[in-house]
C-alpha cells in the first residue's frame, strides 16, 4: 500500500489571484471530485491536505511514500513560493509528483520559454518584452493585433476580455488598467494568433512519455464582439460567457500537424526539465503556422480541466489519469 499525501492550494487563506481572493464553489467541487477519485483507487492510502499550516508537521511525522504536489498556487497561495514546496520535499528526501523547483521557476517566465522554444526552432509568435517601469511610455508601433499579458502569471491572470488590442491607442488604454491592476509585473505585447487554439498533454517520463490526443478550443458560441481567447473570465468567473460558452473537443488536425506539435511538446518537456506530466498550448496564425503559446508545468488537475479532457479522449477515466501521474512519479523515483 502506497502512502500518499495530496497537497492542493490552501482553502483557508486569501488567494490574491482568485476573484474576491477566495476559492469559489466550482473550485471546491473540483477538489471534492479529486478526493473521491483518489479514494476509489486501490493500493493507495491517501491523505488530502488543503491547509498549509499543517504541511510541515505532516510531512515530517507521517512518513509518506510520495507527495502528490497539486499545489499550483504556491505555499499559502503565494505564487512565487510555488517552487519552495518541492524544494522543501527534496531537503527531506521525500519523492513528489511533478516538476522540480528549477523547471517551475523557469517556465513561470514566459519570455524565457519563448526564447528557448525559438532556439529549438519551435514556431513562436512575435513578441515584445515590456518591463513594468516602461509601461507608462507610449506603446510600441507593433505587432498589431496584439495580446497584452503578464510575463509571469498563471490562470490567465491579467488577460481579460479586452486584452486583444488592435492599435497603440487600444494598447494605451489596456496598459493604463494593467498598471493599476498588476503593480510591478512586467508585460508582453505578443502577436495575436487568430486561428484555432490547441492543447497537447503529456504524462510520463523519458521513453514512457505518453502524448494524449490533442484538444481544440471551440469559441464558436461566444457572443459576437467578444475576443476568442481563454481570458481570466474563462478560468475564474462562472457567470461570464467566457466560462459558459467556450467548449473543448478533440482537435481536428492533419496527421502531420498533430505529429509536429506533439514532437514540439515532447522536446520542450525534456528541455525545460518537466517531469511526470505537462501541457503545451499552441495556436494557429493567420498564415496557418501553429505556434507555441504557453508551457505549463504541473497543469490543472481538475476533472474538467484540459488535461483530464484530453485523457478522456484517450478513453481514460479521471481516476485513471490521476493514477497515471502517480505511477509516473513512482517509477521515476524508484518506488515501483
Protein backbone atom coordinates (compact mmCIF):
# COMPACT_ATOMS: atom_id res chain seq x y z
CA UNK A 1 0.00 0.00 0.00
CA UNK A 2 1.49 3.32 -1.12
CA UNK A 3 1.00 6.11 1.42
CA UNK A 4 0.49 9.40 -0.38
CA UNK A 5 -0.22 12.98 0.61
CA UNK A 6 -2.12 15.08 -1.93
CA UNK A 7 -1.32 18.76 -1.37
CA UNK A 8 -3.53 21.39 -3.03
CA UNK A 9 -3.87 25.14 -2.72
CA UNK A 10 -4.81 26.43 0.74
CA UNK A 11 -8.57 26.88 1.08
CA UNK A 12 -8.20 28.71 4.39
CA UNK A 13 -6.23 31.79 3.39
CA UNK A 14 -6.60 34.51 0.78
CA UNK A 15 -5.58 33.70 -2.78
CA UNK A 16 -4.83 37.04 -4.49
CA UNK A 17 -5.18 35.50 -7.96
CA UNK A 18 -8.79 34.43 -7.45
CA UNK A 19 -11.94 36.56 -7.68
CA UNK A 20 -12.54 38.15 -4.24
CA UNK A 21 -9.39 36.37 -3.07
CA UNK A 22 -11.06 33.07 -2.23
CA UNK A 23 -11.98 29.68 -3.61
CA UNK A 24 -15.41 29.57 -5.24
CA UNK A 25 -17.97 26.76 -5.37
CA UNK A 26 -16.51 25.41 -8.62
CA UNK A 27 -13.04 25.18 -7.07
CA UNK A 28 -14.39 23.31 -4.06
CA UNK A 29 -16.39 20.95 -6.27
CA UNK A 30 -13.27 20.10 -8.26
CA UNK A 31 -11.42 19.44 -5.01
CA UNK A 32 -14.18 17.11 -3.82
CA UNK A 33 -14.25 15.17 -7.09
CA UNK A 34 -10.48 14.77 -6.89
CA UNK A 35 -10.71 13.42 -3.33
CA UNK A 36 -13.36 10.90 -4.38
CA UNK A 37 -11.28 9.83 -7.36
CA UNK A 38 -8.22 9.12 -5.21
CA UNK A 39 -10.39 7.29 -2.66
CA UNK A 40 -11.60 4.98 -5.44
CA UNK A 41 -8.08 3.87 -6.36
CA UNK A 42 -6.90 0.58 -4.81
CA UNK A 43 -3.48 0.20 -3.21
CA UNK A 44 -3.31 3.87 -2.22
CA UNK A 45 -3.58 5.15 1.34
CA UNK A 46 -4.46 8.77 0.55
CA UNK A 47 -4.45 11.89 2.73
CA UNK A 48 -5.60 15.15 1.12
CA UNK A 49 -4.41 18.44 2.57
CA UNK A 50 -5.75 21.91 1.77
CA UNK A 51 -4.46 23.64 4.92
CA UNK A 52 -0.82 24.64 4.59
CA UNK A 53 -0.47 25.37 8.30
CA UNK A 54 -0.32 21.58 8.80
CA UNK A 55 2.05 20.83 5.94
CA UNK A 56 5.45 20.93 7.66
CA UNK A 57 4.45 18.83 10.65
CA UNK A 58 2.57 16.34 8.49
CA UNK A 59 5.38 15.56 6.07
CA UNK A 60 7.95 15.34 8.87
CA UNK A 61 5.94 12.99 11.06
CA UNK A 62 3.75 10.80 8.84
CA UNK A 63 6.45 9.29 6.59
CA UNK A 64 4.54 9.42 3.31
CA UNK A 65 5.96 7.43 0.41
CA UNK A 66 5.00 10.16 -2.07
CA UNK A 67 3.59 13.68 -2.07
CA UNK A 68 1.23 14.43 -4.95
CA UNK A 69 2.06 18.09 -5.48
CA UNK A 70 -1.20 19.53 -6.79
CA UNK A 71 -0.44 22.92 -5.22
CA UNK A 72 -0.19 25.22 -8.23
CA UNK A 73 -0.94 28.34 -6.16
CA UNK A 74 2.30 28.41 -4.15
CA UNK A 75 2.77 27.90 -0.44
CA UNK A 76 -0.09 29.68 1.40
CA UNK A 77 -1.32 30.76 -2.08
CA UNK A 78 1.76 32.91 -2.68
CA UNK A 79 2.53 32.03 -6.27
CA UNK A 80 6.21 32.99 -6.06
CA UNK A 81 6.56 30.28 -3.40
CA UNK A 82 5.38 27.51 -5.73
CA UNK A 83 8.92 26.11 -6.24
CA UNK A 84 9.55 26.15 -2.50
CA UNK A 85 7.21 23.21 -1.84
CA UNK A 86 9.15 20.69 -3.94
CA UNK A 87 12.41 22.25 -2.73
CA UNK A 88 11.41 21.54 0.88
CA UNK A 89 10.41 17.99 -0.01
CA UNK A 90 13.80 17.46 -1.64
CA UNK A 91 15.52 18.60 1.55
CA UNK A 92 13.58 15.91 3.41
CA UNK A 93 14.27 13.34 0.65
CA UNK A 94 10.54 12.81 0.08
CA UNK A 95 9.55 11.90 -3.50
CA UNK A 96 6.85 14.01 -5.12
CA UNK A 97 4.93 14.26 -8.37
CA UNK A 98 5.54 16.88 -10.99
CA UNK A 99 8.25 19.28 -11.99
CA UNK A 100 11.22 20.23 -9.80
CA UNK A 101 11.91 23.75 -8.49
CA UNK A 102 14.16 24.73 -11.40
CA UNK A 103 11.53 23.89 -14.02
CA UNK A 104 8.77 25.67 -12.08
CA UNK A 105 10.88 28.82 -11.86
CA UNK A 106 12.00 28.69 -15.48
CA UNK A 107 8.59 28.09 -17.05
CA UNK A 108 6.95 30.81 -14.94
CA UNK A 109 8.88 33.32 -17.08
CA UNK A 110 7.02 33.27 -20.40
CA UNK A 111 9.61 35.34 -22.28
CA UNK A 112 12.36 32.89 -21.40
CA UNK A 113 10.23 29.93 -22.51
CA UNK A 114 9.67 31.66 -25.84
CA UNK A 115 13.41 32.20 -26.29
CA UNK A 116 14.12 28.55 -25.52
CA UNK A 117 11.44 27.41 -27.97
CA UNK A 118 12.70 29.75 -30.67
CA UNK A 119 16.24 28.41 -30.23
CA UNK A 120 14.82 24.90 -30.72
CA UNK A 121 13.12 26.03 -33.95
CA UNK A 122 9.65 25.70 -32.48
CA UNK A 123 7.45 28.39 -34.13
CA UNK A 124 6.58 31.20 -31.71
CA UNK A 125 4.60 34.46 -32.06
CA UNK A 126 6.35 37.80 -32.47
CA UNK A 127 6.67 39.42 -29.06
CA UNK A 128 7.94 42.49 -27.23
CA UNK A 129 9.02 42.31 -23.59
CA UNK A 130 7.96 45.41 -21.63
CA UNK A 131 9.44 45.97 -18.14
CA UNK A 132 6.90 47.39 -15.70
CA UNK A 133 8.69 50.71 -15.39
CA UNK A 134 8.27 51.29 -19.14
CA UNK A 135 4.53 50.59 -19.33
CA UNK A 136 3.52 54.24 -18.95
CA UNK A 137 5.59 55.21 -22.00
CA UNK A 138 3.97 55.45 -25.46
CA UNK A 139 3.10 51.92 -26.64
CA UNK A 140 5.18 50.40 -29.42
CA UNK A 141 4.04 50.53 -33.03
CA UNK A 142 3.52 46.79 -33.32
CA UNK A 143 2.84 43.96 -33.71
CA UNK A 144 -0.93 44.53 -34.00
CA UNK A 145 -3.34 42.99 -33.41
CA UNK A 146 -1.63 42.02 -30.20
CA UNK A 147 -2.35 40.25 -26.93
CA UNK A 148 -1.15 42.00 -23.78
CA UNK A 149 -0.42 39.70 -20.86
CA UNK A 150 1.86 39.45 -17.82
CA UNK A 151 5.24 37.88 -18.36
CA UNK A 152 4.88 35.99 -15.09
CA UNK A 153 1.40 34.81 -14.07
CA UNK A 154 -0.84 31.74 -14.05
CA UNK A 155 -4.52 31.09 -14.67
CA UNK A 156 -4.82 33.83 -17.31
CA UNK A 157 -4.37 36.49 -14.63
CA UNK A 158 -4.07 39.85 -16.38
CA UNK A 159 -5.63 38.58 -19.61
CA UNK A 160 -9.16 39.97 -19.63
CA UNK A 161 -11.69 40.11 -22.45
CA UNK A 162 -10.09 43.40 -23.52
CA UNK A 163 -6.52 42.09 -23.69
CA UNK A 164 -6.56 41.89 -27.50
CA UNK A 165 -5.59 45.33 -28.80
CA UNK A 166 -5.52 46.49 -32.41
CA UNK A 167 -3.71 49.82 -32.22
CA UNK A 168 -1.38 51.83 -29.99
CA UNK A 169 -4.43 53.70 -28.63
CA UNK A 170 -6.11 50.47 -27.54
CA UNK A 171 -2.81 49.29 -26.09
CA UNK A 172 -2.52 52.51 -24.08
CA UNK A 173 -6.00 52.01 -22.63
CA UNK A 174 -5.32 48.43 -21.61
CA UNK A 175 -1.90 49.25 -20.18
CA UNK A 176 -3.42 52.02 -18.04
CA UNK A 177 -5.67 49.36 -16.49
CA UNK A 178 -2.82 46.85 -16.26
CA UNK A 179 -0.51 49.23 -14.38
CA UNK A 180 -3.10 49.62 -11.61
CA UNK A 181 -4.31 46.00 -11.58
CA UNK A 182 -0.92 44.27 -11.62
CA UNK A 183 1.62 46.59 -9.99
CA UNK A 184 5.21 45.57 -10.52
CA UNK A 185 4.55 42.92 -13.18
CA UNK A 186 6.40 43.12 -16.47
CA UNK A 187 4.22 42.65 -19.56
CA UNK A 188 4.38 41.09 -23.00
CA UNK A 189 2.96 42.54 -26.19
CA UNK A 190 2.50 39.41 -28.25
CA UNK A 191 1.35 38.82 -31.82
CA UNK A 192 -2.34 37.87 -31.58
CA UNK A 193 -2.81 34.50 -33.23
CA UNK A 194 -6.20 34.50 -34.92
CA UNK A 195 -6.62 30.79 -35.66
CA UNK A 196 -7.59 27.66 -33.74
CA UNK A 197 -6.14 27.03 -30.28
CA UNK A 198 -4.82 23.59 -29.31
CA UNK A 199 -3.56 21.82 -26.21
CA UNK A 200 -1.11 18.92 -26.02
CA UNK A 201 -0.99 16.92 -22.78
CA UNK A 202 1.86 14.63 -21.78
CA UNK A 203 2.08 12.08 -18.96
CA UNK A 204 5.19 10.10 -18.05
CA UNK A 205 8.94 10.49 -18.40
CA UNK A 206 11.65 9.52 -20.85
CA UNK A 207 10.74 6.58 -23.06
CA UNK A 208 7.43 6.23 -21.17
CA UNK A 209 6.26 9.77 -22.01
CA UNK A 210 2.75 9.43 -23.48
CA UNK A 211 1.06 12.12 -25.56
CA UNK A 212 -2.70 12.38 -25.08
CA UNK A 213 -4.94 13.20 -28.05
CA UNK A 214 -4.69 16.98 -28.61
CA UNK A 215 -7.53 19.27 -27.59
CA UNK A 216 -9.13 22.11 -29.55
CA UNK A 217 -10.82 25.16 -28.03
CA UNK A 218 -14.25 25.90 -29.52
CA UNK A 219 -15.06 29.61 -29.33
CA UNK A 220 -17.97 29.45 -31.81
CA UNK A 221 -20.70 30.08 -29.22
CA UNK A 222 -19.12 33.24 -27.81
CA UNK A 223 -21.38 36.28 -28.32
CA UNK A 224 -20.43 38.47 -31.24
CA UNK A 225 -17.84 41.10 -30.38
CA UNK A 226 -16.02 39.09 -27.71
CA UNK A 227 -12.42 38.23 -28.49
CA UNK A 228 -11.95 34.44 -28.82
CA UNK A 229 -9.37 33.93 -26.07
CA UNK A 230 -9.12 31.94 -22.85
CA UNK A 231 -9.26 35.01 -20.64
CA UNK A 232 -9.26 35.30 -16.86
CA UNK A 233 -13.07 35.31 -17.05
CA UNK A 234 -12.94 31.81 -18.57
CA UNK A 235 -10.99 30.47 -15.59
CA UNK A 236 -12.48 32.31 -12.62
CA UNK A 237 -15.91 33.83 -13.33
CA UNK A 238 -18.73 31.27 -13.72
CA UNK A 239 -21.26 33.95 -14.72
CA UNK A 240 -19.19 35.09 -17.71
CA UNK A 241 -19.91 33.91 -21.28
CA UNK A 242 -16.21 33.09 -21.42
CA UNK A 243 -16.98 30.42 -18.80
CA UNK A 244 -20.37 29.25 -20.12
CA UNK A 245 -19.94 29.46 -23.90
CA UNK A 246 -16.44 28.10 -24.54
CA UNK A 247 -16.24 24.38 -25.23
CA UNK A 248 -13.40 21.90 -25.67
CA UNK A 249 -13.25 19.00 -28.10
CA UNK A 250 -10.74 16.64 -29.64
CA UNK A 251 -8.62 18.54 -32.12
CA UNK A 252 -9.14 18.28 -35.85
CA UNK A 253 -5.60 18.23 -37.18
CA UNK A 254 -3.92 16.54 -40.10
CA UNK A 255 -1.69 13.61 -39.22
CA UNK A 256 1.40 15.70 -39.97
CA UNK A 257 0.18 18.68 -37.91
CA UNK A 258 -0.57 16.52 -34.89
CA UNK A 259 2.79 14.78 -35.15
CA UNK A 260 4.54 18.13 -35.39
CA UNK A 261 3.02 19.77 -32.31
CA UNK A 262 3.35 16.59 -30.26
CA UNK A 263 7.02 16.46 -31.24
CA UNK A 264 7.44 20.13 -30.22
CA UNK A 265 5.78 19.36 -26.88
CA UNK A 266 7.95 16.31 -26.22
CA UNK A 267 11.17 18.18 -26.98
CA UNK A 268 10.18 21.16 -24.82
CA UNK A 269 9.09 18.85 -21.97
CA UNK A 270 12.62 17.45 -21.86
CA UNK A 271 14.48 20.72 -22.50
CA UNK A 272 12.58 22.71 -19.86
CA UNK A 273 13.02 19.96 -17.28
CA UNK A 274 9.36 18.99 -16.77
CA UNK A 275 8.53 15.72 -15.04
CA UNK A 276 5.59 13.30 -14.83
CA UNK A 277 3.03 15.47 -16.66
CA UNK A 278 2.71 18.75 -18.51
CA UNK A 279 0.69 20.68 -21.05
CA UNK A 280 1.65 22.84 -24.01
CA UNK A 281 -0.71 25.29 -25.68
CA UNK A 282 -0.47 26.22 -29.35
CA UNK A 283 -2.46 28.44 -31.69
CA UNK A 284 -2.67 28.79 -35.45
CA UNK A 285 -1.57 32.08 -37.01
CA UNK A 286 -3.26 33.89 -39.88
CA UNK A 287 -0.70 32.37 -42.25
CA UNK A 288 -1.57 28.85 -41.00
CA UNK A 289 1.52 28.25 -38.85
CA UNK A 290 0.82 26.58 -35.49
CA UNK A 291 2.86 28.44 -32.87
CA UNK A 292 3.64 27.81 -29.21
CA UNK A 293 1.71 30.00 -26.77
CA UNK A 294 2.44 28.55 -23.32
CA UNK A 295 4.26 25.77 -21.49
CA UNK A 296 2.54 24.52 -18.34
CA UNK A 297 4.36 22.70 -15.54
CA UNK A 298 2.02 20.83 -13.16
CA UNK A 299 -1.04 21.85 -15.21
CA UNK A 300 -4.53 21.99 -13.72
CA UNK A 301 -5.51 18.59 -12.31
CA UNK A 302 -9.30 19.17 -12.01
CA UNK A 303 -11.78 16.70 -13.51
CA UNK A 304 -12.95 19.33 -16.03
CA UNK A 305 -9.53 20.81 -16.85
CA UNK A 306 -7.78 20.37 -20.19
CA UNK A 307 -5.52 17.51 -19.11
CA UNK A 308 -8.45 15.43 -17.87
CA UNK A 309 -10.42 16.16 -21.04
CA UNK A 310 -7.52 15.00 -23.20
CA UNK A 311 -7.21 11.87 -21.09
CA UNK A 312 -10.90 11.30 -21.73
CA UNK A 313 -10.27 11.49 -25.49
CA UNK A 314 -7.88 8.57 -24.96
CA UNK A 315 -10.59 6.59 -23.13
CA UNK A 316 -9.06 7.26 -19.72
CA UNK A 317 -11.35 7.87 -16.73
CA UNK A 318 -10.43 10.69 -14.35
CA UNK A 319 -9.21 8.41 -11.51
CA UNK A 320 -7.09 6.54 -14.03
CA UNK A 321 -5.46 9.79 -15.15
CA UNK A 322 -4.57 10.62 -11.54
CA UNK A 323 -3.14 7.14 -11.10
CA UNK A 324 -1.03 7.56 -14.25
CA UNK A 325 0.54 10.71 -12.76
CA UNK A 326 1.26 8.86 -9.51
CA UNK A 327 2.68 5.88 -11.43
CA UNK A 328 4.96 8.15 -13.48
CA UNK A 329 6.39 9.62 -10.28
CA UNK A 330 6.78 6.27 -8.51
CA UNK A 331 8.64 4.78 -11.50
CA UNK A 332 10.90 7.82 -11.75
CA UNK A 333 11.58 7.75 -8.00
CA UNK A 334 12.26 4.01 -7.86
CA UNK A 335 9.20 3.30 -5.72
CA UNK A 336 7.86 0.68 -8.12
